[in-house]
Amino acid sequence: MAYEVKVTRQGQTTIPKKLRDKYDIREGDKVLYIDVGGYMLVLPMSKDPLKELQALRIKDRRTIGEIRKEIYRSALKHSEERRRRAAR
């Protein structure tokens, strides 16, 4: 599903309501913009990342920064795979 939105003079956009509802994005929440070369990803940020990590019962000693880097790499890999499939 794709949505076309305008960018204001201040560089702001509005996240379409259907996406805000689907991902429970509310006023004051944060989203993450990731530049993956040629295009960008927009990901909703967790409201409580530590709680989510605890729920996953991760049993390693990585820092949050290391885990975040792994998430970025995974998102990049996933988006590149989707782009390749779409180009076929």
PDB file of N, CA and C in Angstrom:
ATOM      1  N   MET A   1       0.843  -1.162   0.000  1.00  0.00           N
ATOM      2  CA  MET A   1       0.000   0.000   0.000  1.00  0.00           C
ATOM      3  C   MET A   1       0.898   1.238   0.000  1.00  0.00           C
ATOM      4  N   ALA A   2       0.613   2.210  -0.829  1.00  0.00           N
ATOM      5  CA  ALA A   2       1.417   3.424  -0.928  1.00  0.00           C
ATOM      6  C   ALA A   2       0.523   4.647  -0.753  1.00  0.00           C
ATOM      7  N   TYR A   3       1.084   5.680  -0.163  1.00  0.00           N
ATOM      8  CA  TYR A   3       0.376   6.933   0.042  1.00  0.00           C
ATOM      9  C   TYR A   3       1.258   8.068  -0.460  1.00  0.00           C
ATOM     10  N   GLU A   4       0.665   9.003  -1.169  1.00  0.00           N
ATOM     11  CA  GLU A   4       1.391  10.185  -1.619  1.00  0.00           C
ATOM     12  C   GLU A   4       0.984  11.348  -0.725  1.00  0.00           C
ATOM     13  N   VAL A   5       1.982  12.023  -0.133  1.00  0.00           N
ATOM     14  CA  VAL A   5       1.705  13.159   0.748  1.00  0.00           C
ATOM     15  C   VAL A   5       2.590  14.339   0.334  1.00  0.00           C
ATOM     16  N   LYS A   6       2.147  15.539   0.644  1.00  0.00           N
ATOM     17  CA  LYS A   6       2.912  16.740   0.321  1.00  0.00           C
ATOM     18  C   LYS A   6       3.858  17.067   1.475  1.00  0.00           C
ATOM     19  N   VAL A   7       4.955  17.711   1.129  1.00  0.00           N
ATOM     20  CA  VAL A   7       5.914  18.196   2.112  1.00  0.00           C
ATOM     21  C   VAL A   7       5.709  19.703   2.240  1.00  0.00           C
ATOM     22  N   THR A   8       5.592  20.196   3.489  1.00  0.00           N
ATOM     23  CA  THR A   8       5.401  21.627   3.709  1.00  0.00           C
ATOM     24  C   THR A   8       6.723  22.371   3.561  1.00  0.00           C
ATOM     25  N   ARG A   9       6.648  23.696   3.584  1.00  0.00           N
ATOM     26  CA  ARG A   9       7.853  24.527   3.524  1.00  0.00           C
ATOM     27  C   ARG A   9       8.838  24.172   4.636  1.00  0.00           C
ATOM     28  N   GLN A  10       8.318  23.755   5.783  1.00  0.00           N
ATOM     29  CA  GLN A  10       9.169  23.399   6.923  1.00  0.00           C
ATOM     30  C   GLN A  10       9.662  21.957   6.845  1.00  0.00           C
ATOM     31  N   GLY A  11       9.348  21.259   5.751  1.00  0.00           N
ATOM     32  CA  GLY A  11       9.806  19.882   5.582  1.00  0.00           C
ATOM     33  C   GLY A  11       8.942  18.869   6.312  1.00  0.00           C
ATOM     34  N   GLN A  12       7.754  19.261   6.712  1.00  0.00           N
ATOM     35  CA  GLN A  12       6.860  18.355   7.447  1.00  0.00           C
ATOM     36  C   GLN A  12       5.911  17.638   6.508  1.00  0.00           C
ATOM     37  N   THR A  13       5.514  16.431   6.923  1.00  0.00           N
ATOM     38  CA  THR A  13       4.490  15.680   6.209  1.00  0.00           C
ATOM     39  C   THR A  13       3.470  15.190   7.222  1.00  0.00           C
ATOM     40  N   THR A  14       2.344  14.738   6.730  1.00  0.00           N
ATOM     41  CA  THR A  14       1.324  14.146   7.586  1.00  0.00           C
ATOM     42  C   THR A  14       1.275  12.657   7.307  1.00  0.00           C
ATOM     43  N   ILE A  15       1.369  11.863   8.353  1.00  0.00           N
ATOM     44  CA  ILE A  15       1.242  10.410   8.194  1.00  0.00           C
ATOM     45  C   ILE A  15      -0.242  10.125   7.975  1.00  0.00           C
ATOM     46  N   PRO A  16      -0.592   9.435   6.896  1.00  0.00           N
ATOM     47  CA  PRO A  16      -2.005   9.149   6.625  1.00  0.00           C
ATOM     48  C   PRO A  16      -2.694   8.462   7.810  1.00  0.00           C
ATOM     49  N   LYS A  17      -3.948   8.829   8.042  1.00  0.00           N
ATOM     50  CA  LYS A  17      -4.706   8.319   9.190  1.00  0.00           C
ATOM     51  C   LYS A  17      -4.734   6.794   9.242  1.00  0.00           C
ATOM     52  N   LYS A  18      -4.915   6.147   8.091  1.00  0.00           N
ATOM     53  CA  LYS A  18      -4.959   4.680   8.092  1.00  0.00           C
ATOM     54  C   LYS A  18      -3.673   4.093   8.666  1.00  0.00           C
ATOM     55  N   LEU A  19      -2.520   4.702   8.335  1.00  0.00           N
ATOM     56  CA  LEU A  19      -1.244   4.216   8.858  1.00  0.00           C
ATOM     57  C   LEU A  19      -1.077   4.569  10.328  1.00  0.00           C
ATOM     58  N   ARG A  20      -1.513   5.784  10.711  1.00  0.00           N
ATOM     59  CA  ARG A  20      -1.441   6.144  12.141  1.00  0.00           C
ATOM     60  C   ARG A  20      -2.262   5.176  12.971  1.00  0.00           C
ATOM     61  N   ASP A  21      -3.439   4.837  12.498  1.00  0.00           N
ATOM     62  CA  ASP A  21      -4.293   3.893  13.226  1.00  0.00           C
ATOM     63  C   ASP A  21      -3.674   2.494  13.245  1.00  0.00           C
ATOM     64  N   LYS A  22      -3.209   2.043  12.100  1.00  0.00           N
ATOM     65  CA  LYS A  22      -2.647   0.691  11.998  1.00  0.00           C
ATOM     66  C   LYS A  22      -1.458   0.512  12.930  1.00  0.00           C
ATOM     67  N   TYR A  23      -0.580   1.539  13.015  1.00  0.00           N
ATOM     68  CA  TYR A  23       0.637   1.422  13.816  1.00  0.00           C
ATOM     69  C   TYR A  23       0.542   2.156  15.151  1.00  0.00           C
ATOM     70  N   ASP A  24      -0.673   2.574  15.505  1.00  0.00           N
ATOM     71  CA  ASP A  24      -0.934   3.239  16.792  1.00  0.00           C
ATOM     72  C   ASP A  24       0.024   4.411  17.014  1.00  0.00           C
ATOM     73  N   ILE A  25       0.150   5.260  16.002  1.00  0.00           N
ATOM     74  CA  ILE A  25       0.999   6.442  16.093  1.00  0.00           C
ATOM     75  C   ILE A  25       0.122   7.609  16.511  1.00  0.00           C
ATOM     76  N   ARG A  26       0.491   8.228  17.632  1.00  0.00           N
ATOM     77  CA  ARG A  26      -0.287   9.337  18.180  1.00  0.00           C
ATOM     78  C   ARG A  26       0.576  10.588  18.295  1.00  0.00           C
ATOM     79  N   GLU A  27      -0.078  11.718  18.515  1.00  0.00           N
ATOM     80  CA  GLU A  27       0.635  12.983  18.683  1.00  0.00           C
ATOM     81  C   GLU A  27       1.722  12.840  19.752  1.00  0.00           C
ATOM     82  N   GLY A  28       2.913  13.302  19.419  1.00  0.00           N
ATOM     83  CA  GLY A  28       4.029  13.225  20.353  1.00  0.00           C
ATOM     84  C   GLY A  28       4.879  11.976  20.196  1.00  0.00           C
ATOM     85  N   ASP A  29       4.366  10.958  19.504  1.00  0.00           N
ATOM     86  CA  ASP A  29       5.150   9.750  19.254  1.00  0.00           C
ATOM     87  C   ASP A  29       6.282  10.071  18.286  1.00  0.00           C
ATOM     88  N   LYS A  30       7.276   9.209  18.256  1.00  0.00           N
ATOM     89  CA  LYS A  30       8.411   9.403  17.363  1.00  0.00           C
ATOM     90  C   LYS A  30       8.406   8.356  16.260  1.00  0.00           C
ATOM     91  N   VAL A  31       8.906   8.767  15.085  1.00  0.00           N
ATOM     92  CA  VAL A  31       9.138   7.835  13.991  1.00  0.00           C
ATOM     93  C   VAL A  31      10.611   7.953  13.620  1.00  0.00           C
ATOM     94  N   LEU A  32      11.129   6.924  13.007  1.00  0.00           N
ATOM     95  CA  LEU A  32      12.533   6.865  12.638  1.00  0.00           C
ATOM     96  C   LEU A  32      12.636   6.894  11.117  1.00  0.00           C
ATOM     97  N   TYR A  33      13.397   7.853  10.593  1.00  0.00           N
ATOM     98  CA  TYR A  33      13.672   7.922   9.163  1.00  0.00           C
ATOM     99  C   TYR A  33      15.020   7.253   8.929  1.00  0.00           C
ATOM    100  N   ILE A  34      15.059   6.285   8.011  1.00  0.00           N
ATOM    101  CA  ILE A  34      16.297   5.585   7.700  1.00  0.00           C
ATOM    102  C   ILE A  34      16.592   5.778   6.216  1.00  0.00           C
ATOM    103  N   ASP A  35      17.747   6.375   5.922  1.00  0.00           N
ATOM    104  CA  ASP A  35      18.192   6.566   4.548  1.00  0.00           C
ATOM    105  C   ASP A  35      18.884   5.282   4.109  1.00  0.00           C
ATOM    106  N   VAL A  36      18.278   4.584   3.157  1.00  0.00           N
ATOM    107  CA  VAL A  36      18.839   3.310   2.708  1.00  0.00           C
ATOM    108  C   VAL A  36      19.404   3.426   1.296  1.00  0.00           C
ATOM    109  N   GLY A  37      19.693   4.644   0.881  1.00  0.00           N
ATOM    110  CA  GLY A  37      20.306   4.856  -0.426  1.00  0.00           C
ATOM    111  C   GLY A  37      19.290   4.743  -1.537  1.00  0.00           C
ATOM    112  N   GLY A  38      18.926   5.846  -2.118  1.00  0.00           N
ATOM    113  CA  GLY A  38      17.957   5.839  -3.206  1.00  0.00           C
ATOM    114  C   GLY A  38      16.523   6.021  -2.734  1.00  0.00           C
ATOM    115  N   TYR A  39      16.271   5.708  -1.490  1.00  0.00           N
ATOM    116  CA  TYR A  39      14.951   5.908  -0.891  1.00  0.00           C
ATOM    117  C   TYR A  39      15.101   5.839   0.615  1.00  0.00           C
ATOM    118  N   MET A  40      14.000   6.079   1.335  1.00  0.00           N
ATOM    119  CA  MET A  40      14.073   6.032   2.788  1.00  0.00           C
ATOM    120  C   MET A  40      12.921   5.227   3.363  1.00  0.00           C
ATOM    121  N   LEU A  41      13.147   4.736   4.545  1.00  0.00           N
ATOM    122  CA  LEU A  41      12.126   4.009   5.295  1.00  0.00           C
ATOM    123  C   LEU A  41      11.666   4.884   6.449  1.00  0.00           C
ATOM    124  N   VAL A  42      10.405   4.765   6.809  1.00  0.00           N
ATOM    125  CA  VAL A  42       9.883   5.450   7.986  1.00  0.00           C
ATOM    126  C   VAL A  42       9.315   4.368   8.888  1.00  0.00           C
ATOM    127  N   LEU A  43       9.879   4.257  10.091  1.00  0.00           N
ATOM    128  CA  LEU A  43       9.452   3.231  11.026  1.00  0.00           C
ATOM    129  C   LEU A  43       8.929   3.868  12.296  1.00  0.00           C
ATOM    130  N   PRO A  44       7.792   3.399  12.812  1.00  0.00           N
ATOM    131  CA  PRO A  44       7.340   3.924  14.097  1.00  0.00           C
ATOM    132  C   PRO A  44       8.298   3.473  15.196  1.00  0.00           C
ATOM    133  N   MET A  45       8.607   4.375  16.115  1.00  0.00           N
ATOM    134  CA  MET A  45       9.470   4.033  17.244  1.00  0.00           C
ATOM    135  C   MET A  45       8.611   3.418  18.346  1.00  0.00           C
ATOM    136  N   SER A  46       9.184   2.478  19.034  1.00  0.00           N
ATOM    137  CA  SER A  46       8.491   1.842  20.142  1.00  0.00           C
ATOM    138  C   SER A  46       8.257   2.852  21.254  1.00  0.00           C
ATOM    139  N   LYS A  47       7.102   2.778  21.882  1.00  0.00           N
ATOM    140  CA  LYS A  47       6.810   3.657  23.001  1.00  0.00           C
ATOM    141  C   LYS A  47       7.604   3.241  24.239  1.00  0.00           C
ATOM    142  N   ASP A  48       7.956   1.970  24.324  1.00  0.00           N
ATOM    143  CA  ASP A  48       8.736   1.455  25.458  1.00  0.00           C
ATOM    144  C   ASP A  48       9.675   0.365  24.951  1.00  0.00           C
ATOM    145  N   PRO A  49      10.802   0.758  24.334  1.00  0.00           N
ATOM    146  CA  PRO A  49      11.679  -0.241  23.715  1.00  0.00           C
ATOM    147  C   PRO A  49      12.240  -1.256  24.713  1.00  0.00           C
ATOM    148  N   LEU A  50      12.532  -0.834  25.934  1.00  0.00           N
ATOM    149  CA  LEU A  50      13.068  -1.784  26.914  1.00  0.00           C
ATOM    150  C   LEU A  50      12.041  -2.859  27.251  1.00  0.00           C
ATOM    151  N   LYS A  51      10.800  -2.465  27.377  1.00  0.00           N
ATOM    152  CA  LYS A  51       9.736  -3.435  27.670  1.00  0.00           C
ATOM    153  C   LYS A  51       9.603  -4.436  26.526  1.00  0.00           C
ATOM    154  N   GLU A  52       9.669  -3.946  25.284  1.00  0.00           N
ATOM    155  CA  GLU A  52       9.571  -4.838  24.134  1.00  0.00           C
ATOM    156  C   GLU A  52      10.745  -5.814  24.095  1.00  0.00           C
ATOM    157  N   LEU A  53      11.950  -5.316  24.375  1.00  0.00           N
ATOM    158  CA  LEU A  53      13.113  -6.198  24.385  1.00  0.00           C
ATOM    159  C   LEU A  53      12.996  -7.251  25.480  1.00  0.00           C
ATOM    160  N   GLN A  54      12.506  -6.850  26.653  1.00  0.00           N
ATOM    161  CA  GLN A  54      12.327  -7.807  27.737  1.00  0.00           C
ATOM    162  C   GLN A  54      11.309  -8.873  27.354  1.00  0.00           C
ATOM    163  N   ALA A  55      10.264  -8.451  26.639  1.00  0.00           N
ATOM    164  CA  ALA A  55       9.233  -9.401  26.223  1.00  0.00           C
ATOM    165  C   ALA A  55       9.790 -10.434  25.252  1.00  0.00           C
ATOM    166  N   LEU A  56      10.816 -10.045  24.491  1.00  0.00           N
ATOM    167  CA  LEU A  56      11.431 -10.980  23.557  1.00  0.00           C
ATOM    168  C   LEU A  56      12.340 -11.984  24.259  1.00  0.00           C
ATOM    169  N   ARG A  57      12.640 -11.713  25.515  1.00  0.00           N
ATOM    170  CA  ARG A  57      13.501 -12.587  26.324  1.00  0.00           C
ATOM    171  C   ARG A  57      14.853 -12.830  25.644  1.00  0.00           C
ATOM    172  N   ILE A  58      15.418 -11.742  25.172  1.00  0.00           N
ATOM    173  CA  ILE A  58      16.728 -11.827  24.528  1.00  0.00           C
ATOM    174  C   ILE A  58      17.762 -12.152  25.583  1.00  0.00           C
ATOM    175  N   LYS A  59      18.549 -13.189  25.339  1.00  0.00           N
ATOM    176  CA  LYS A  59      19.524 -13.633  26.313  1.00  0.00           C
ATOM    177  C   LYS A  59      20.945 -13.362  25.824  1.00  0.00           C
ATOM    178  N   ASP A  60      21.201 -12.151  25.428  1.00  0.00           N
ATOM    179  CA  ASP A  60      22.569 -11.799  25.075  1.00  0.00           C
ATOM    180  C   ASP A  60      22.943 -10.515  25.802  1.00  0.00           C
ATOM    181  N   ARG A  61      24.167 -10.121  25.658  1.00  0.00           N
ATOM    182  CA  ARG A  61      24.682  -8.985  26.422  1.00  0.00           C
ATOM    183  C   ARG A  61      24.929  -7.753  25.556  1.00  0.00           C
ATOM    184  N   ARG A  62      24.262  -7.689  24.404  1.00  0.00           N
ATOM    185  CA  ARG A  62      24.455  -6.540  23.529  1.00  0.00           C
ATOM    186  C   ARG A  62      23.829  -5.287  24.133  1.00  0.00           C
ATOM    187  N   THR A  63      24.407  -4.152  23.781  1.00  0.00           N
ATOM    188  CA  THR A  63      23.836  -2.881  24.217  1.00  0.00           C
ATOM    189  C   THR A  63      22.639  -2.540  23.328  1.00  0.00           C
ATOM    190  N   ILE A  64      21.842  -1.583  23.773  1.00  0.00           N
ATOM    191  CA  ILE A  64      20.707  -1.122  22.970  1.00  0.00           C
ATOM    192  C   ILE A  64      21.215  -0.584  21.631  1.00  0.00           C
ATOM    193  N   GLY A  65      22.346   0.126  21.653  1.00  0.00           N
ATOM    194  CA  GLY A  65      22.920   0.651  20.405  1.00  0.00           C
ATOM    195  C   GLY A  65      23.266  -0.449  19.421  1.00  0.00           C
ATOM    196  N   GLU A  66      23.842  -1.537  19.920  1.00  0.00           N
ATOM    197  CA  GLU A  66      24.195  -2.660  19.044  1.00  0.00           C
ATOM    198  C   GLU A  66      22.944  -3.321  18.481  1.00  0.00           C
ATOM    199  N   ILE A  67      21.935  -3.465  19.315  1.00  0.00           N
ATOM    200  CA  ILE A  67      20.672  -4.059  18.859  1.00  0.00           C
ATOM    201  C   ILE A  67      20.025  -3.149  17.821  1.00  0.00           C
ATOM    202  N   ARG A  68      20.065  -1.831  18.061  1.00  0.00           N
ATOM    203  CA  ARG A  68      19.485  -0.873  17.107  1.00  0.00           C
ATOM    204  C   ARG A  68      20.197  -0.963  15.760  1.00  0.00           C
ATOM    205  N   LYS A  69      21.528  -1.074  15.768  1.00  0.00           N
ATOM    206  CA  LYS A  69      22.279  -1.211  14.516  1.00  0.00           C
ATOM    207  C   LYS A  69      21.861  -2.474  13.771  1.00  0.00           C
ATOM    208  N   GLU A  70      21.658  -3.564  14.512  1.00  0.00           N
ATOM    209  CA  GLU A  70      21.220  -4.804  13.876  1.00  0.00           C
ATOM    210  C   GLU A  70      19.840  -4.630  13.255  1.00  0.00           C
ATOM    211  N   ILE A  71      18.962  -3.904  13.933  1.00  0.00           N
ATOM    212  CA  ILE A  71      17.623  -3.641  13.393  1.00  0.00           C
ATOM    213  C   ILE A  71      17.733  -2.842  12.101  1.00  0.00           C
ATOM    214  N   TYR A  72      18.598  -1.800  12.077  1.00  0.00           N
ATOM    215  CA  TYR A  72      18.790  -1.002  10.862  1.00  0.00           C
ATOM    216  C   TYR A  72      19.282  -1.877   9.717  1.00  0.00           C
ATOM    217  N   ARG A  73      20.285  -2.723  10.005  1.00  0.00           N
ATOM    218  CA  ARG A  73      20.825  -3.605   8.952  1.00  0.00           C
ATOM    219  C   ARG A  73      19.742  -4.549   8.439  1.00  0.00           C
ATOM    220  N   SER A  74      18.949  -5.081   9.348  1.00  0.00           N
ATOM    221  CA  SER A  74      17.881  -5.994   8.960  1.00  0.00           C
ATOM    222  C   SER A  74      16.830  -5.269   8.113  1.00  0.00           C
ATOM    223  N   ALA A  75      16.473  -4.049   8.512  1.00  0.00           N
ATOM    224  CA  ALA A  75      15.489  -3.273   7.751  1.00  0.00           C
ATOM    225  C   ALA A  75      16.021  -2.965   6.357  1.00  0.00           C
ATOM    226  N   LEU A  76      17.289  -2.617   6.270  1.00  0.00           N
ATOM    227  CA  LEU A  76      17.902  -2.331   4.967  1.00  0.00           C
ATOM    228  C   LEU A  76      17.886  -3.572   4.083  1.00  0.00           C
ATOM    229  N   LYS A  77      18.285  -4.711   4.641  1.00  0.00           N
ATOM    230  CA  LYS A  77      18.310  -5.958   3.878  1.00  0.00           C
ATOM    231  C   LYS A  77      16.905  -6.318   3.387  1.00  0.00           C
ATOM    232  N   HIS A  78      15.928  -6.208   4.278  1.00  0.00           N
ATOM    233  CA  HIS A  78      14.548  -6.540   3.931  1.00  0.00           C
ATOM    234  C   HIS A  78      14.035  -5.613   2.828  1.00  0.00           C
ATOM    235  N   SER A  79      14.315  -4.307   2.953  1.00  0.00           N
ATOM    236  CA  SER A  79      13.821  -3.373   1.940  1.00  0.00           C
ATOM    237  C   SER A  79      14.506  -3.600   0.595  1.00  0.00           C
ATOM    238  N   GLU A  80      15.792  -3.946   0.603  1.00  0.00           N
ATOM    239  CA  GLU A  80      16.492  -4.234  -0.657  1.00  0.00           C
ATOM    240  C   GLU A  80      15.914  -5.474  -1.322  1.00  0.00           C
ATOM    241  N   GLU A  81      15.590  -6.489  -0.536  1.00  0.00           N
ATOM    242  CA  GLU A  81      14.989  -7.700  -1.097  1.00  0.00           C
ATOM    243  C   GLU A  81      13.635  -7.384  -1.717  1.00  0.00           C
ATOM    244  N   ARG A  82      12.840  -6.567  -1.028  1.00  0.00           N
ATOM    245  CA  ARG A  82      11.524  -6.201  -1.559  1.00  0.00           C
ATOM    246  C   ARG A  82      11.663  -5.392  -2.842  1.00  0.00           C
ATOM    247  N   ARG A  83      12.666  -4.496  -2.883  1.00  0.00           N
ATOM    248  CA  ARG A  83      12.880  -3.680  -4.082  1.00  0.00           C
ATOM    249  C   ARG A  83      13.283  -4.552  -5.255  1.00  0.00           C
ATOM    250  N   ARG A  84      14.161  -5.564  -5.002  1.00  0.00           N
ATOM    251  CA  ARG A  84      14.575  -6.476  -6.078  1.00  0.00           C
ATOM    252  C   ARG A  84      13.399  -7.266  -6.606  1.00  0.00           C
ATOM    253  N   ARG A  85      12.545  -7.761  -5.685  1.00  0.00           N
ATOM    254  CA  ARG A  85      11.377  -8.533  -6.118  1.00  0.00           C
ATOM    255  C   ARG A  85      10.421  -7.666  -6.935  1.00  0.00           C
ATOM    256  N   ALA A  86      10.262  -6.412  -6.526  1.00  0.00           N
ATOM    257  CA  ALA A  86       9.346  -5.511  -7.239  1.00  0.00           C
ATOM    258  C   ALA A  86       9.884  -5.169  -8.624  1.00  0.00           C
ATOM    259  N   ALA A  87      11.196  -5.170  -8.800  1.00  0.00           N
ATOM    260  CA  ALA A  87      11.815  -4.817 -10.081  1.00  0.00           C
ATOM    261  C   ALA A  87      11.711  -5.928 -11.112  1.00  0.00           C
ATOM    262  N   ARG A  88      11.378  -7.119 -10.677  1.00  0.00           N
ATOM    263  CA  ARG A  88      11.299  -8.261 -11.617  1.00  0.00           C
ATOM    264  C   ARG A  88      10.126  -8.167 -12.531  1.00  0.00           C
TER     265      ARG A  88
END
